[in-house]
Amino acid sequence: MHKAVDAARRGEFDRAVNYIKEAQEYVDVVARALDCTFVQLCDFTKRYPDGTWLHNGAYCGAFISNSTAKPFIGMAFKGTNSTRELVTDLDWTPLKPDQPGVAFDSKTHRGFYLGLFGRYKNASGGPDVPFELMIKQLDLVYNEHQRSVLHFTGYSLGGAYCTLTYGEFLRRTLRYTFGDMYSLAAPRVCELPFATEVFNRTKPGNGKYIFRIVYRKDPVPTVPPRTKSQLGQYRFTHVDGGWQLFPSEGPKVMRSERPPNNPVDPESIPSSIWNITDHKVQNYYEGWQRTPHS
C-alpha cells in the first residue's frame, strides 16, 4: 500500500492501481489459507482526525469462514508500519472520551482513541468515525452470516485497537453473537475503569474469553507509561487474560494488573532495545504454534 501511495503522488496511477491489487492479493492468499473470504471493514490509514494531521486511523478487515459446521467471522486490525502510525502509538496522553459511555468513560490512550473514535472529514465535508463505519460494514456482512460467531484479533497497534473494540462490543447492546479476543503484543490502552468493566463482562462461564498474548520480554506491552517513575501519575492498566509465550516451554499465565496488584513496570530504555526482537510477529506466530491450544 505504501508503494501505491508513493506511485500515486508521482502521478503513476496505473502503477498505483497495480500495487493496490498486489496488496489485496496478499490478503486474499492468507484468507484462502484459512478457508475464509476477506472483506475490508474500514481503512483510515491515509486519513487524519480532526485536531491533528500527524495521526491516522484504524484499518480493520473481516475474515469470513467458509465453513458451515463452525461458522465464524474474525475481525482483524492491522499493526504499525508507517510514521503516522508510530506517532499514533506514541501519543499516549490520557484522554477522557468526548462521546458519553465510550470505553466505559475511562481515560484512554489518546492516539488509539482518535484512531477508532476520532472524527475524519469525508469527501462531502461531513465526519466519518472509524468505529461507526466499521459497524455499518459489519452489519452488511453479518446480514448474510448470522450464524457466525465474531472473534477479534490484532497485533501491536492492531492489538490496541482490538482491545478497545472488544470493550466497546461488550459495553454496547449489539445484535452480533461474539466470543473471544486474541490480542498480540498490545500496549496498554486505558486506565483501570476500562480494565475492570471488561473483567466483569468476561468472567468464566459467560462464553467470552480474553487472550492477551505477550512473547517473552517484549517491551511494548509494558507501556504506557514510558518509565517506572510515571506509574503513580498515569494509571494505565492492561485487561486481564494475559499469557506469556516462550520459545522452549509452555505458556504461562500473567498476573492481573488490577488491584491489589500493580501494572508491570515499563522496561528501561536499554532493556527495551535489547528485548525489542521479542516484538517480532514471527516470534509470536511460532510461539503460538507451540502452545497446546494451537
C-alpha atoms as a PDB file:
ATOM      1  CA  MET A   1       0.000   0.000   0.000  1.00  0.00           C
ATOM      2  CA  HIS A   2       2.887   2.394   0.693  1.00  0.00           C
ATOM      3  CA  LYS A   3       4.210   1.756  -2.819  1.00  0.00           C
ATOM      4  CA  ALA A   4       0.748   2.548  -4.186  1.00  0.00           C
ATOM      5  CA  VAL A   5       0.599   5.863  -2.330  1.00  0.00           C
ATOM      6  CA  ASP A   6       4.093   6.860  -3.491  1.00  0.00           C
ATOM      7  CA  ALA A   7       3.261   5.971  -7.094  1.00  0.00           C
ATOM      8  CA  ALA A   8       0.034   7.984  -6.970  1.00  0.00           C
ATOM      9  CA  ARG A   9       1.896  11.005  -5.625  1.00  0.00           C
ATOM     10  CA  ARG A  10       4.265  10.753  -8.599  1.00  0.00           C
ATOM     11  CA  GLY A  11       1.290  10.655 -10.946  1.00  0.00           C
ATOM     12  CA  GLU A  12       1.899   6.995 -11.853  1.00  0.00           C
ATOM     13  CA  PHE A  13      -1.728   5.977 -11.401  1.00  0.00           C
ATOM     14  CA  ASP A  14      -1.618   2.724 -13.378  1.00  0.00           C
ATOM     15  CA  ARG A  15       1.292   1.534 -11.265  1.00  0.00           C
ATOM     16  CA  ALA A  16      -0.525   2.610  -8.095  1.00  0.00           C
ATOM     17  CA  VAL A  17      -3.553   0.525  -9.090  1.00  0.00           C
ATOM     18  CA  ASN A  18      -1.300  -2.481  -9.687  1.00  0.00           C
ATOM     19  CA  TYR A  19       0.280  -2.084  -6.243  1.00  0.00           C
ATOM     20  CA  ILE A  20      -3.183  -1.962  -4.662  1.00  0.00           C
ATOM     21  CA  LYS A  21      -4.165  -5.139  -6.483  1.00  0.00           C
ATOM     22  CA  GLU A  22      -0.963  -6.847  -5.268  1.00  0.00           C
ATOM     23  CA  ALA A  23      -1.688  -5.836  -1.663  1.00  0.00           C
ATOM     24  CA  GLN A  24      -5.203  -7.238  -1.917  1.00  0.00           C
ATOM     25  CA  GLU A  25      -3.831 -10.437  -3.446  1.00  0.00           C
ATOM     26  CA  TYR A  26      -1.586 -10.990  -0.390  1.00  0.00           C
ATOM     27  CA  VAL A  27      -4.590 -10.641   1.917  1.00  0.00           C
ATOM     28  CA  ASP A  28      -6.619 -12.971  -0.283  1.00  0.00           C
ATOM     29  CA  VAL A  29      -3.824 -15.578  -0.150  1.00  0.00           C
ATOM     30  CA  VAL A  30      -3.977 -15.514   3.657  1.00  0.00           C
ATOM     31  CA  ALA A  31      -7.770 -15.720   3.553  1.00  0.00           C
ATOM     32  CA  ARG A  32      -7.693 -18.751   1.260  1.00  0.00           C
ATOM     33  CA  ALA A  33      -5.142 -20.456   3.519  1.00  0.00           C
ATOM     34  CA  LEU A  34      -7.611 -20.007   6.376  1.00  0.00           C
ATOM     35  CA  ASP A  35     -10.537 -21.134   4.185  1.00  0.00           C
ATOM     36  CA  CYS A  36     -12.021 -17.670   4.554  1.00  0.00           C
ATOM     37  CA  THR A  37     -13.207 -14.757   2.465  1.00  0.00           C
ATOM     38  CA  PHE A  38     -11.786 -11.318   3.308  1.00  0.00           C
ATOM     39  CA  VAL A  39     -13.866  -8.126   3.428  1.00  0.00           C
ATOM     40  CA  GLN A  40     -12.436  -4.727   4.381  1.00  0.00           C
ATOM     41  CA  LEU A  41     -14.444  -3.008   7.121  1.00  0.00           C
ATOM     42  CA  CYS A  42     -12.605   0.308   7.436  1.00  0.00           C
ATOM     43  CA  ASP A  43      -9.358   1.917   6.263  1.00  0.00           C
ATOM     44  CA  PHE A  44      -8.347   5.231   7.814  1.00  0.00           C
ATOM     45  CA  THR A  45      -4.592   4.725   7.440  1.00  0.00           C
ATOM     46  CA  LYS A  46      -4.274   7.582   4.932  1.00  0.00           C
ATOM     47  CA  ARG A  47      -6.607   9.989   6.731  1.00  0.00           C
ATOM     48  CA  TYR A  48      -6.179  12.082   9.850  1.00  0.00           C
ATOM     49  CA  PRO A  49      -8.656  13.005  12.590  1.00  0.00           C
ATOM     50  CA  ASP A  50      -9.896  16.491  13.405  1.00  0.00           C
ATOM     51  CA  GLY A  51      -7.383  18.362  15.531  1.00  0.00           C
ATOM     52  CA  THR A  52      -4.198  16.754  14.228  1.00  0.00           C
ATOM     53  CA  TRP A  53      -2.697  15.833  10.858  1.00  0.00           C
ATOM     54  CA  LEU A  54       0.114  13.740  12.371  1.00  0.00           C
ATOM     55  CA  HIS A  55      -2.056  10.767  13.345  1.00  0.00           C
ATOM     56  CA  ASN A  56      -4.077   8.325  11.310  1.00  0.00           C
ATOM     57  CA  GLY A  57      -6.857   5.844  11.965  1.00  0.00           C
ATOM     58  CA  ALA A  58      -7.557   2.142  12.151  1.00  0.00           C
ATOM     59  CA  TYR A  59      -7.568  -0.481   9.428  1.00  0.00           C
ATOM     60  CA  CYS A  60      -9.862  -3.445  10.077  1.00  0.00           C
ATOM     61  CA  GLY A  61     -10.975  -6.365   7.951  1.00  0.00           C
ATOM     62  CA  ALA A  62     -13.196  -9.394   8.398  1.00  0.00           C
ATOM     63  CA  PHE A  63     -12.092 -12.950   7.638  1.00  0.00           C
ATOM     64  CA  ILE A  64     -15.347 -14.811   6.999  1.00  0.00           C
ATOM     65  CA  SER A  65     -15.139 -18.565   7.447  1.00  0.00           C
ATOM     66  CA  ASN A  66     -16.362 -20.672   4.546  1.00  0.00           C
ATOM     67  CA  SER A  67     -17.203 -23.475   6.970  1.00  0.00           C
ATOM     68  CA  THR A  68     -20.863 -24.239   7.580  1.00  0.00           C
ATOM     69  CA  ALA A  69     -20.113 -26.545  10.521  1.00  0.00           C
ATOM     70  CA  LYS A  70     -18.482 -23.876  12.725  1.00  0.00           C
ATOM     71  CA  PRO A  71     -19.039 -20.525  11.013  1.00  0.00           C
ATOM     72  CA  PHE A  72     -17.103 -17.553  12.364  1.00  0.00           C
ATOM     73  CA  ILE A  73     -16.016 -14.049  11.440  1.00  0.00           C
ATOM     74  CA  GLY A  74     -12.557 -12.938  12.549  1.00  0.00           C
ATOM     75  CA  MET A  75     -12.191  -9.176  12.871  1.00  0.00           C
ATOM     76  CA  ALA A  76      -8.501  -8.332  12.427  1.00  0.00           C
ATOM     77  CA  PHE A  77      -6.738  -4.988  12.954  1.00  0.00           C
ATOM     78  CA  LYS A  78      -3.504  -4.003  11.227  1.00  0.00           C
ATOM     79  CA  GLY A  79      -0.365  -3.136  13.204  1.00  0.00           C
ATOM     80  CA  THR A  80       2.158  -0.310  12.828  1.00  0.00           C
ATOM     81  CA  ASN A  81       4.010   0.144   9.530  1.00  0.00           C
ATOM     82  CA  SER A  82       4.081   3.897   8.870  1.00  0.00           C
ATOM     83  CA  THR A  83       5.402   7.055  10.504  1.00  0.00           C
ATOM     84  CA  ARG A  84       1.915   8.350  11.221  1.00  0.00           C
ATOM     85  CA  GLU A  85       1.003   5.086  12.912  1.00  0.00           C
ATOM     86  CA  LEU A  86       4.147   5.420  15.016  1.00  0.00           C
ATOM     87  CA  VAL A  87       3.004   8.913  16.034  1.00  0.00           C
ATOM     88  CA  THR A  88      -0.376   7.408  16.915  1.00  0.00           C
ATOM     89  CA  ASP A  89       1.396   4.804  19.073  1.00  0.00           C
ATOM     90  CA  LEU A  90       3.487   7.391  20.907  1.00  0.00           C
ATOM     91  CA  ASP A  91       0.678   9.843  21.715  1.00  0.00           C
ATOM     92  CA  TRP A  92      -0.337   8.139  24.938  1.00  0.00           C
ATOM     93  CA  THR A  93      -1.582  11.201  26.836  1.00  0.00           C
ATOM     94  CA  PRO A  94      -4.656  10.029  28.816  1.00  0.00           C
ATOM     95  CA  LEU A  95      -7.810  11.323  27.141  1.00  0.00           C
ATOM     96  CA  LYS A  96     -11.338  11.377  28.533  1.00  0.00           C
ATOM     97  CA  PRO A  97     -13.721  10.184  25.783  1.00  0.00           C
ATOM     98  CA  ASP A  98     -15.736  13.022  24.270  1.00  0.00           C
ATOM     99  CA  GLN A  99     -18.560  10.602  23.472  1.00  0.00           C
ATOM    100  CA  PRO A 100     -20.525   9.599  26.605  1.00  0.00           C
ATOM    101  CA  GLY A 101     -20.115   5.969  27.586  1.00  0.00           C
ATOM    102  CA  VAL A 102     -17.363   5.083  25.122  1.00  0.00           C
ATOM    103  CA  ALA A 103     -14.640   2.961  26.763  1.00  0.00           C
ATOM    104  CA  PHE A 104     -16.845   2.947  29.891  1.00  0.00           C
ATOM    105  CA  ASP A 105     -15.949   6.660  30.294  1.00  0.00           C
ATOM    106  CA  SER A 106     -12.426   5.588  31.238  1.00  0.00           C
ATOM    107  CA  LYS A 107      -9.455   7.700  30.243  1.00  0.00           C
ATOM    108  CA  THR A 108      -7.804   6.204  27.187  1.00  0.00           C
ATOM    109  CA  HIS A 109      -4.565   6.350  25.204  1.00  0.00           C
ATOM    110  CA  ARG A 110      -5.182   9.466  23.061  1.00  0.00           C
ATOM    111  CA  GLY A 111      -3.712   8.074  19.841  1.00  0.00           C
ATOM    112  CA  PHE A 112      -5.730   4.860  19.999  1.00  0.00           C
ATOM    113  CA  TYR A 113      -8.935   6.701  20.901  1.00  0.00           C
ATOM    114  CA  LEU A 114      -8.597   9.068  17.937  1.00  0.00           C
ATOM    115  CA  GLY A 115      -7.754   6.126  15.684  1.00  0.00           C
ATOM    116  CA  LEU A 116     -11.113   4.482  16.442  1.00  0.00           C
ATOM    117  CA  PHE A 117     -13.444   7.216  17.668  1.00  0.00           C
ATOM    118  CA  GLY A 118     -11.998  10.415  16.206  1.00  0.00           C
ATOM    119  CA  ARG A 119     -13.820  12.364  13.509  1.00  0.00           C
ATOM    120  CA  TYR A 120     -12.418  12.293   9.980  1.00  0.00           C
ATOM    121  CA  LYS A 121     -13.680  14.594   7.230  1.00  0.00           C
ATOM    122  CA  ASN A 122     -15.069  12.773   4.225  1.00  0.00           C
ATOM    123  CA  ALA A 123     -15.408  13.962   0.625  1.00  0.00           C
ATOM    124  CA  SER A 124     -18.692  15.723   1.369  1.00  0.00           C
ATOM    125  CA  GLY A 125     -17.228  17.561   4.360  1.00  0.00           C
ATOM    126  CA  GLY A 126     -19.102  15.528   6.947  1.00  0.00           C
ATOM    127  CA  PRO A 127     -17.465  13.463   9.695  1.00  0.00           C
ATOM    128  CA  ASP A 128     -16.623   9.765   9.470  1.00  0.00           C
ATOM    129  CA  VAL A 129     -15.885   7.843  12.675  1.00  0.00           C
ATOM    130  CA  PRO A 130     -13.845   4.650  12.075  1.00  0.00           C
ATOM    131  CA  PHE A 131     -15.700   2.580  14.675  1.00  0.00           C
ATOM    132  CA  GLU A 132     -19.126   3.585  13.350  1.00  0.00           C
ATOM    133  CA  LEU A 133     -18.159   2.928   9.729  1.00  0.00           C
ATOM    134  CA  MET A 134     -16.752  -0.436  10.775  1.00  0.00           C
ATOM    135  CA  ILE A 135     -20.090  -1.322  12.406  1.00  0.00           C
ATOM    136  CA  LYS A 136     -22.019  -0.312   9.274  1.00  0.00           C
ATOM    137  CA  GLN A 137     -19.842  -2.514   7.093  1.00  0.00           C
ATOM    138  CA  LEU A 138     -20.029  -5.354   9.593  1.00  0.00           C
ATOM    139  CA  ASP A 139     -23.831  -5.131   9.533  1.00  0.00           C
ATOM    140  CA  LEU A 140     -23.778  -5.803   5.790  1.00  0.00           C
ATOM    141  CA  VAL A 141     -21.514  -8.816   6.295  1.00  0.00           C
ATOM    142  CA  TYR A 142     -23.467 -10.139   9.269  1.00  0.00           C
ATOM    143  CA  ASN A 143     -26.785  -9.967   7.427  1.00  0.00           C
ATOM    144  CA  GLU A 144     -25.524 -12.811   5.236  1.00  0.00           C
ATOM    145  CA  HIS A 145     -23.719 -14.729   8.003  1.00  0.00           C
ATOM    146  CA  GLN A 146     -25.982 -14.508  11.050  1.00  0.00           C
ATOM    147  CA  ARG A 147     -24.950 -17.936  12.340  1.00  0.00           C
ATOM    148  CA  SER A 148     -21.330 -16.813  12.569  1.00  0.00           C
ATOM    149  CA  VAL A 149     -19.600 -16.068  15.865  1.00  0.00           C
ATOM    150  CA  LEU A 150     -17.393 -12.960  15.864  1.00  0.00           C
ATOM    151  CA  HIS A 151     -13.867 -13.095  17.261  1.00  0.00           C
ATOM    152  CA  PHE A 152     -11.363 -10.241  17.485  1.00  0.00           C
ATOM    153  CA  THR A 153      -7.621 -10.092  16.927  1.00  0.00           C
ATOM    154  CA  GLY A 154      -4.779  -7.685  16.242  1.00  0.00           C
ATOM    155  CA  TYR A 155      -1.027  -7.340  16.614  1.00  0.00           C
ATOM    156  CA  SER A 156       0.782  -4.421  18.323  1.00  0.00           C
ATOM    157  CA  LEU A 157      -1.151  -1.264  17.338  1.00  0.00           C
ATOM    158  CA  GLY A 158      -3.773  -3.628  15.942  1.00  0.00           C
ATOM    159  CA  GLY A 159      -3.915  -5.341  19.328  1.00  0.00           C
ATOM    160  CA  ALA A 160      -4.628  -1.995  20.969  1.00  0.00           C
ATOM    161  CA  TYR A 161      -7.463  -1.255  18.526  1.00  0.00           C
ATOM    162  CA  CYS A 162      -8.706  -4.807  19.009  1.00  0.00           C
ATOM    163  CA  THR A 163      -8.855  -4.323  22.795  1.00  0.00           C
ATOM    164  CA  LEU A 164     -10.739  -1.031  22.585  1.00  0.00           C
ATOM    165  CA  THR A 165     -13.152  -2.501  20.048  1.00  0.00           C
ATOM    166  CA  TYR A 166     -13.806  -5.601  22.147  1.00  0.00           C
ATOM    167  CA  GLY A 167     -14.529  -3.429  25.166  1.00  0.00           C
ATOM    168  CA  GLU A 168     -16.981  -1.366  23.144  1.00  0.00           C
ATOM    169  CA  PHE A 169     -18.736  -4.505  21.885  1.00  0.00           C
ATOM    170  CA  LEU A 170     -19.055  -5.678  25.495  1.00  0.00           C
ATOM    171  CA  ARG A 171     -20.452  -2.296  26.544  1.00  0.00           C
ATOM    172  CA  ARG A 172     -22.999  -1.786  23.783  1.00  0.00           C
ATOM    173  CA  THR A 173     -26.112  -3.854  23.198  1.00  0.00           C
ATOM    174  CA  LEU A 174     -25.261  -5.199  19.753  1.00  0.00           C
ATOM    175  CA  ARG A 175     -27.073  -7.851  17.770  1.00  0.00           C
ATOM    176  CA  TYR A 176     -23.977  -9.879  16.964  1.00  0.00           C
ATOM    177  CA  THR A 177     -23.045 -13.173  18.554  1.00  0.00           C
ATOM    178  CA  PHE A 178     -19.436 -12.718  19.564  1.00  0.00           C
ATOM    179  CA  GLY A 179     -16.891 -14.675  21.515  1.00  0.00           C
ATOM    180  CA  ASP A 180     -13.201 -14.233  22.218  1.00  0.00           C
ATOM    181  CA  MET A 181     -10.451 -11.651  21.838  1.00  0.00           C
ATOM    182  CA  TYR A 182      -6.869 -12.508  20.897  1.00  0.00           C
ATOM    183  CA  SER A 183      -4.524  -9.522  21.161  1.00  0.00           C
ATOM    184  CA  LEU A 184      -0.825  -9.973  20.472  1.00  0.00           C
ATOM    185  CA  ALA A 185       1.995  -7.627  21.533  1.00  0.00           C
ATOM    186  CA  ALA A 186      -0.509  -4.938  22.501  1.00  0.00           C
ATOM    187  CA  PRO A 187       0.442  -1.905  24.592  1.00  0.00           C
ATOM    188  CA  ARG A 188      -1.885  -0.668  27.333  1.00  0.00           C
ATOM    189  CA  VAL A 189      -4.911   1.212  26.035  1.00  0.00           C
ATOM    190  CA  CYS A 190      -6.886   2.523  29.030  1.00  0.00           C
ATOM    191  CA  GLU A 191      -6.918   3.150  32.734  1.00  0.00           C
ATOM    192  CA  LEU A 192      -8.367   0.946  35.487  1.00  0.00           C
ATOM    193  CA  PRO A 193     -12.131   1.539  34.970  1.00  0.00           C
ATOM    194  CA  PHE A 194     -11.945   0.067  31.462  1.00  0.00           C
ATOM    195  CA  ALA A 195      -9.964  -2.989  32.613  1.00  0.00           C
ATOM    196  CA  THR A 196     -12.413  -3.565  35.479  1.00  0.00           C
ATOM    197  CA  GLU A 197     -15.511  -3.338  33.270  1.00  0.00           C
ATOM    198  CA  VAL A 198     -14.016  -5.733  30.724  1.00  0.00           C
ATOM    199  CA  PHE A 199     -13.154  -8.167  33.538  1.00  0.00           C
ATOM    200  CA  ASN A 200     -16.724  -8.011  34.878  1.00  0.00           C
ATOM    201  CA  ARG A 201     -18.078  -8.922  31.440  1.00  0.00           C
ATOM    202  CA  THR A 202     -15.674 -11.773  30.670  1.00  0.00           C
ATOM    203  CA  LYS A 203     -15.827 -13.853  33.830  1.00  0.00           C
ATOM    204  CA  PRO A 204     -15.577 -17.651  33.441  1.00  0.00           C
ATOM    205  CA  GLY A 205     -18.747 -19.280  32.212  1.00  0.00           C
ATOM    206  CA  ASN A 206     -20.173 -16.496  30.062  1.00  0.00           C
ATOM    207  CA  GLY A 207     -18.674 -17.778  26.807  1.00  0.00           C
ATOM    208  CA  LYS A 208     -16.323 -14.851  26.227  1.00  0.00           C
ATOM    209  CA  TYR A 209     -12.602 -15.139  26.888  1.00  0.00           C
ATOM    210  CA  ILE A 210      -9.645 -12.800  26.531  1.00  0.00           C
ATOM    211  CA  PHE A 211      -6.211 -13.971  25.434  1.00  0.00           C
ATOM    212  CA  ARG A 212      -3.722 -11.121  25.779  1.00  0.00           C
ATOM    213  CA  ILE A 213      -0.562 -12.653  24.357  1.00  0.00           C
ATOM    214  CA  VAL A 214       2.981 -11.489  25.208  1.00  0.00           C
ATOM    215  CA  TYR A 215       6.119 -13.120  23.812  1.00  0.00           C
ATOM    216  CA  ARG A 216       8.980 -13.442  26.319  1.00  0.00           C
ATOM    217  CA  LYS A 217      10.243  -9.967  27.311  1.00  0.00           C
ATOM    218  CA  ASP A 218       8.579  -7.944  24.573  1.00  0.00           C
ATOM    219  CA  PRO A 219       8.827  -4.367  25.927  1.00  0.00           C
ATOM    220  CA  VAL A 220       5.824  -2.978  24.015  1.00  0.00           C
ATOM    221  CA  PRO A 221       3.177  -4.480  26.356  1.00  0.00           C
ATOM    222  CA  THR A 222       4.921  -2.781  29.320  1.00  0.00           C
ATOM    223  CA  VAL A 223       3.950   0.698  28.082  1.00  0.00           C
ATOM    224  CA  PRO A 224       2.451   3.230  28.547  1.00  0.00           C
ATOM    225  CA  PRO A 225       3.607   4.961  30.625  1.00  0.00           C
ATOM    226  CA  ARG A 226       7.161   5.213  29.386  1.00  0.00           C
ATOM    227  CA  THR A 227       9.013   4.979  32.728  1.00  0.00           C
ATOM    228  CA  LYS A 228       8.516   3.344  36.117  1.00  0.00           C
ATOM    229  CA  SER A 229       8.510   6.756  37.811  1.00  0.00           C
ATOM    230  CA  GLN A 230       5.373   7.701  35.834  1.00  0.00           C
ATOM    231  CA  LEU A 231       3.264   4.791  37.104  1.00  0.00           C
ATOM    232  CA  GLY A 232       1.895   6.804  40.015  1.00  0.00           C
ATOM    233  CA  GLN A 233       0.694   9.611  37.759  1.00  0.00           C
ATOM    234  CA  TYR A 234      -0.536   7.587  34.796  1.00  0.00           C
ATOM    235  CA  ARG A 235      -2.702   4.627  35.803  1.00  0.00           C
ATOM    236  CA  PHE A 236      -2.805   2.698  32.548  1.00  0.00           C
ATOM    237  CA  THR A 237      -3.873  -0.886  33.238  1.00  0.00           C
ATOM    238  CA  HIS A 238      -3.985  -3.937  30.975  1.00  0.00           C
ATOM    239  CA  VAL A 239      -7.124  -6.020  30.667  1.00  0.00           C
ATOM    240  CA  ASP A 240      -6.844  -9.482  32.215  1.00  0.00           C
ATOM    241  CA  GLY A 241      -6.267 -12.678  30.260  1.00  0.00           C
ATOM    242  CA  GLY A 242      -2.505 -12.260  29.909  1.00  0.00           C
ATOM    243  CA  TRP A 243      -0.479 -15.229  28.634  1.00  0.00           C
ATOM    244  CA  GLN A 244       3.288 -15.163  28.190  1.00  0.00           C
ATOM    245  CA  LEU A 245       4.818 -17.316  25.438  1.00  0.00           C
ATOM    246  CA  PHE A 246       8.321 -18.772  25.462  1.00  0.00           C
ATOM    247  CA  PRO A 247      10.432 -20.428  22.749  1.00  0.00           C
ATOM    248  CA  SER A 248      11.085 -23.719  24.560  1.00  0.00           C
ATOM    249  CA  GLU A 249       8.413 -24.102  27.241  1.00  0.00           C
ATOM    250  CA  GLY A 250       4.673 -23.840  27.574  1.00  0.00           C
ATOM    251  CA  PRO A 251       2.723 -20.605  28.050  1.00  0.00           C
ATOM    252  CA  LYS A 252       2.422 -19.081  31.493  1.00  0.00           C
ATOM    253  CA  VAL A 253      -0.478 -17.133  32.948  1.00  0.00           C
ATOM    254  CA  MET A 254       0.371 -13.496  33.658  1.00  0.00           C
ATOM    255  CA  ARG A 255      -0.939 -11.903  36.831  1.00  0.00           C
ATOM    256  CA  SER A 256      -3.709  -9.340  36.690  1.00  0.00           C
ATOM    257  CA  GLU A 257      -2.714  -5.677  36.749  1.00  0.00           C
ATOM    258  CA  ARG A 258      -5.879  -4.718  38.620  1.00  0.00           C
ATOM    259  CA  PRO A 259      -5.796  -4.073  42.401  1.00  0.00           C
ATOM    260  CA  PRO A 260      -4.464  -5.336  44.683  1.00  0.00           C
ATOM    261  CA  ASN A 261      -1.768  -5.841  42.040  1.00  0.00           C
ATOM    262  CA  ASN A 262       0.007  -3.096  40.129  1.00  0.00           C
ATOM    263  CA  PRO A 263       0.833  -2.723  36.427  1.00  0.00           C
ATOM    264  CA  VAL A 264       4.063  -4.354  35.275  1.00  0.00           C
ATOM    265  CA  ASP A 265       6.941  -1.875  35.339  1.00  0.00           C
ATOM    266  CA  PRO A 266       7.855  -0.372  31.957  1.00  0.00           C
ATOM    267  CA  GLU A 267      11.126  -1.692  30.567  1.00  0.00           C
ATOM    268  CA  SER A 268      14.111   0.632  30.791  1.00  0.00           C
ATOM    269  CA  ILE A 269      15.403   2.040  27.510  1.00  0.00           C
ATOM    270  CA  PRO A 270      18.468  -0.287  27.454  1.00  0.00           C
ATOM    271  CA  SER A 271      16.255  -3.312  28.203  1.00  0.00           C
ATOM    272  CA  SER A 272      13.735  -2.236  25.569  1.00  0.00           C
ATOM    273  CA  ILE A 273      16.461  -2.009  22.940  1.00  0.00           C
ATOM    274  CA  TRP A 274      17.877  -5.379  23.973  1.00  0.00           C
ATOM    275  CA  ASN A 275      14.500  -7.147  24.010  1.00  0.00           C
ATOM    276  CA  ILE A 276      12.784  -5.451  21.063  1.00  0.00           C
ATOM    277  CA  THR A 277      13.370  -8.535  18.891  1.00  0.00           C
ATOM    278  CA  ASP A 278      10.786 -10.273  21.090  1.00  0.00           C
ATOM    279  CA  HIS A 279       8.239  -7.964  19.460  1.00  0.00           C
ATOM    280  CA  LYS A 280       8.708  -9.582  16.032  1.00  0.00           C
ATOM    281  CA  VAL A 281       5.496 -11.011  14.653  1.00  0.00           C
ATOM    282  CA  GLN A 282       7.223 -14.244  13.587  1.00  0.00           C
ATOM    283  CA  ASN A 283       8.175 -14.897  17.223  1.00  0.00           C
ATOM    284  CA  TYR A 284       4.540 -14.552  18.208  1.00  0.00           C
ATOM    285  CA  TYR A 285       3.439 -16.849  15.408  1.00  0.00           C
ATOM    286  CA  GLU A 286       5.988 -19.536  16.258  1.00  0.00           C
ATOM    287  CA  GLY A 287       5.273 -19.251  19.990  1.00  0.00           C
ATOM    288  CA  TRP A 288       1.541 -19.514  19.371  1.00  0.00           C
ATOM    289  CA  GLN A 289       2.006 -22.586  17.177  1.00  0.00           C
ATOM    290  CA  ARG A 290       3.833 -24.335  20.024  1.00  0.00           C
ATOM    291  CA  THR A 291       1.053 -23.785  22.552  1.00  0.00           C
ATOM    292  CA  PRO A 292      -1.261 -26.720  23.386  1.00  0.00           C
ATOM    293  CA  HIS A 293      -4.361 -24.972  22.003  1.00  0.00           C
ATOM    294  CA  SER A 294      -2.849 -24.106  18.586  1.00  0.00           C
END
